[in-house]
N, C-alpha and C. Protein backbone atom coordinates (compact mmCIF):
# COMPACT_ATOMS: atom_id res chain seq x y z
N UNK A 1 -0.24 -46.14 7.76
CA UNK A 1 -1.06 -46.23 9.02
C UNK A 1 -2.15 -45.13 7.91
N UNK A 2 -2.19 -44.16 6.85
CA UNK A 2 -2.96 -43.36 6.36
C UNK A 2 -4.19 -44.30 5.02
N UNK A 3 -3.11 -45.35 4.75
CA UNK A 3 -3.88 -46.66 3.86
C UNK A 3 -4.92 -47.64 4.72
N UNK A 4 -4.00 -47.82 6.02
CA UNK A 4 -4.97 -48.70 6.63
C UNK A 4 -6.61 -47.96 7.35
N UNK A 5 -6.28 -46.63 7.14
CA UNK A 5 -7.48 -45.93 7.44
C UNK A 5 -8.15 -45.35 6.43
N UNK A 6 -7.77 -45.49 5.36
CA UNK A 6 -8.19 -45.29 3.82
C UNK A 6 -9.07 -43.43 3.92
N UNK A 7 -7.58 -42.73 4.16
CA UNK A 7 -7.41 -41.50 4.15
C UNK A 7 -6.17 -40.91 3.39
N UNK A 8 -6.14 -40.10 2.48
CA UNK A 8 -5.36 -39.39 1.50
C UNK A 8 -3.86 -39.06 3.07
N UNK A 9 -2.92 -39.23 2.28
CA UNK A 9 -1.90 -38.74 3.25
C UNK A 9 -1.66 -37.31 3.36
N UNK A 10 -2.24 -36.76 2.28
CA UNK A 10 -2.35 -35.06 1.92
C UNK A 10 -3.19 -34.79 3.38
N UNK A 11 -4.52 -34.92 3.35
CA UNK A 11 -5.04 -34.93 4.32
C UNK A 11 -4.64 -34.62 5.29
N UNK A 12 -4.33 -35.85 5.72
CA UNK A 12 -3.47 -35.57 7.20
C UNK A 12 -2.53 -34.50 7.71
N UNK A 13 -1.46 -34.46 6.73
CA UNK A 13 -0.23 -34.00 6.66
C UNK A 13 -0.96 -32.56 6.83
N UNK A 14 -2.20 -32.11 5.54
CA UNK A 14 -2.31 -30.80 5.65
C UNK A 14 -3.20 -30.32 7.06
N UNK A 15 -3.93 -30.83 7.41
CA UNK A 15 -4.97 -30.92 8.35
C UNK A 15 -3.72 -30.72 10.04
N UNK A 16 -3.50 -31.50 9.59
CA UNK A 16 -2.45 -31.96 11.31
C UNK A 16 -1.30 -30.28 11.33
N UNK A 17 -1.11 -30.16 10.35
CA UNK A 17 0.24 -28.76 10.66
C UNK A 17 -1.08 -27.29 10.57
N UNK A 18 -2.28 -27.72 9.94
CA UNK A 18 -2.92 -26.47 10.29
C UNK A 18 -3.69 -26.48 12.09
N UNK A 19 -3.72 -27.67 12.43
CA UNK A 19 -3.99 -27.48 13.89
C UNK A 19 -3.05 -27.45 15.01
N UNK A 20 -1.56 -26.94 14.29
CA UNK A 20 -0.66 -26.66 15.06
C UNK A 20 -0.64 -25.30 15.49
N UNK A 21 -0.35 -24.44 16.83
CA UNK A 21 -0.81 -23.07 17.05
C UNK A 21 0.61 -22.73 16.88
N UNK A 22 1.52 -23.00 16.51
CA UNK A 22 2.86 -22.26 16.61
C UNK A 22 3.12 -22.09 15.24
N UNK A 23 1.93 -22.89 14.11
CA UNK A 23 2.75 -22.65 12.31
C UNK A 23 1.45 -21.21 11.71
N UNK A 24 1.90 -20.55 11.52
CA UNK A 24 1.23 -19.56 11.14
C UNK A 24 1.15 -19.70 9.88
N UNK A 25 2.04 -20.48 9.18
CA UNK A 25 1.50 -20.38 7.50
C UNK A 25 2.61 -21.31 6.75
N UNK A 26 2.09 -22.08 5.72
CA UNK A 26 2.56 -23.52 5.14
C UNK A 26 2.90 -23.22 3.90
N UNK A 27 4.02 -22.82 3.30
CA UNK A 27 3.96 -23.09 1.69
C UNK A 27 4.05 -24.19 1.11
N UNK A 28 2.95 -24.55 -0.02
CA UNK A 28 2.76 -25.53 -0.67
C UNK A 28 3.28 -25.68 -1.96
N UNK A 29 3.18 -24.73 -2.43
CA UNK A 29 3.48 -24.78 -3.72
C UNK A 29 2.98 -25.71 -5.24
N UNK A 30 1.67 -25.65 -5.18
CA UNK A 30 1.35 -26.33 -6.20
C UNK A 30 1.73 -26.04 -7.49
N UNK A 31 1.72 -26.64 -8.06
CA UNK A 31 2.39 -26.67 -9.82
C UNK A 31 1.16 -26.17 -10.89
N UNK A 32 -0.15 -26.25 -10.38
CA UNK A 32 -1.45 -25.93 -11.63
C UNK A 32 -2.83 -25.40 -10.53
N UNK A 33 -3.56 -24.85 -10.98
CA UNK A 33 -4.68 -24.84 -10.61
C UNK A 33 -5.19 -26.36 -10.08
N UNK A 34 -4.82 -27.37 -10.70
CA UNK A 34 -5.76 -28.69 -10.51
C UNK A 34 -4.65 -29.62 -8.85
N UNK A 35 -3.62 -28.79 -9.50
CA UNK A 35 -2.86 -29.00 -7.72
C UNK A 35 -3.06 -28.57 -6.65
N UNK A 36 -3.16 -26.73 -6.92
CA UNK A 36 -3.88 -26.24 -6.12
C UNK A 36 -5.54 -26.89 -5.17
N UNK A 37 -6.42 -26.92 -6.37
CA UNK A 37 -7.84 -27.89 -5.92
C UNK A 37 -7.44 -28.95 -5.32
N UNK A 38 -6.54 -29.86 -5.56
CA UNK A 38 -6.11 -31.02 -5.18
C UNK A 38 -5.82 -30.76 -3.17
N UNK A 39 -5.36 -29.57 -2.94
CA UNK A 39 -4.49 -29.46 -1.99
C UNK A 39 -5.77 -28.84 -0.94
N UNK A 40 -6.61 -28.17 -1.65
CA UNK A 40 -7.39 -27.40 -1.00
C UNK A 40 -8.72 -28.64 -0.60
N UNK A 41 -8.82 -29.69 -1.64
CA UNK A 41 -9.48 -30.84 -1.07
C UNK A 41 -9.04 -31.42 0.13
N UNK A 42 -7.60 -31.65 0.11
CA UNK A 42 -7.11 -32.46 1.30
C UNK A 42 -7.42 -31.65 2.54
N UNK A 43 -7.37 -30.35 2.33
CA UNK A 43 -7.02 -29.66 3.63
C UNK A 43 -8.36 -29.07 4.36
N UNK A 44 -9.15 -30.18 4.07
CA UNK A 44 -10.90 -29.09 4.00
C UNK A 44 -11.58 -30.32 3.99
N UNK A 45 -11.39 -32.08 3.86
CA UNK A 45 -12.25 -32.88 3.70
C UNK A 45 -12.08 -33.19 4.97
N UNK A 46 -13.75 -34.19 5.70
CA UNK A 46 -13.72 -34.82 7.09
C UNK A 46 -12.79 -35.87 7.05
N UNK A 47 -12.09 -35.72 8.01
CA UNK A 47 -11.45 -37.30 8.53
C UNK A 47 -11.80 -38.03 9.48
N UNK A 48 -11.79 -39.17 9.25
CA UNK A 48 -12.41 -40.43 10.59
C UNK A 48 -12.62 -39.19 12.10
N UNK A 49 -13.14 -39.54 12.90
CA UNK A 49 -13.42 -39.67 13.90
C UNK A 49 -12.33 -39.79 15.02
N UNK A 50 -11.90 -39.70 15.76
CA UNK A 50 -10.98 -40.10 16.92
C UNK A 50 -9.25 -40.07 15.89
N UNK A 51 -9.19 -39.69 14.59
CA UNK A 51 -7.89 -39.97 14.11
C UNK A 51 -6.58 -39.08 14.93
N UNK A 52 -6.94 -37.80 15.33
CA UNK A 52 -6.13 -37.15 16.01
C UNK A 52 -5.12 -37.79 17.31
N UNK A 53 -6.24 -38.37 17.93
CA UNK A 53 -5.74 -39.11 18.83
C UNK A 53 -4.70 -40.42 18.52
N UNK A 54 -5.45 -41.25 17.32
CA UNK A 54 -5.12 -42.58 17.04
C UNK A 54 -3.21 -41.64 16.94
N UNK A 55 -2.68 -40.59 15.99
CA UNK A 55 -2.03 -40.65 15.63
C UNK A 55 -1.19 -40.19 16.96
N UNK A 56 -1.56 -39.65 17.85
CA UNK A 56 -0.69 -39.20 19.01
C UNK A 56 -0.62 -40.41 19.80
N UNK A 57 -1.23 -41.53 19.39
CA UNK A 57 -0.66 -42.74 20.10
C UNK A 57 0.81 -43.17 19.53
N UNK A 58 0.45 -42.90 18.21
CA UNK A 58 1.68 -43.77 17.60
C UNK A 58 3.04 -42.83 18.22
N UNK A 59 3.18 -42.10 18.82
CA UNK A 59 4.40 -41.44 19.14
C UNK A 59 5.06 -40.58 18.11
N UNK A 60 4.85 -40.77 17.05
CA UNK A 60 5.54 -40.24 15.93
C UNK A 60 6.84 -38.97 16.01
N UNK A 61 6.47 -38.13 17.23
CA UNK A 61 7.03 -37.08 17.29
C UNK A 61 7.69 -37.11 18.30
N UNK A 62 8.28 -38.27 19.26
CA UNK A 62 9.06 -37.94 19.99
C UNK A 62 10.24 -37.88 19.22
N UNK A 63 11.44 -37.36 20.11
CA UNK A 63 12.91 -36.95 20.09
C UNK A 63 13.79 -37.60 20.94
N UNK A 64 13.53 -38.92 21.27
CA UNK A 64 14.50 -40.06 21.81
C UNK A 64 15.02 -41.14 21.22
């Protein structure tokens, strides 16, 4: 799905987590400064309009 949207999976993951009101902290454990910078870029890069609605429509978090 991320490849179809041409967005890095890390960007969707980090930003999805940051949108969740019950999650106060996420430890990502970068191994280097370069990886930390990459994580920061992923967490702050603009994502396509409507991506969260499309993701919700996939119903990936269903528990049945």
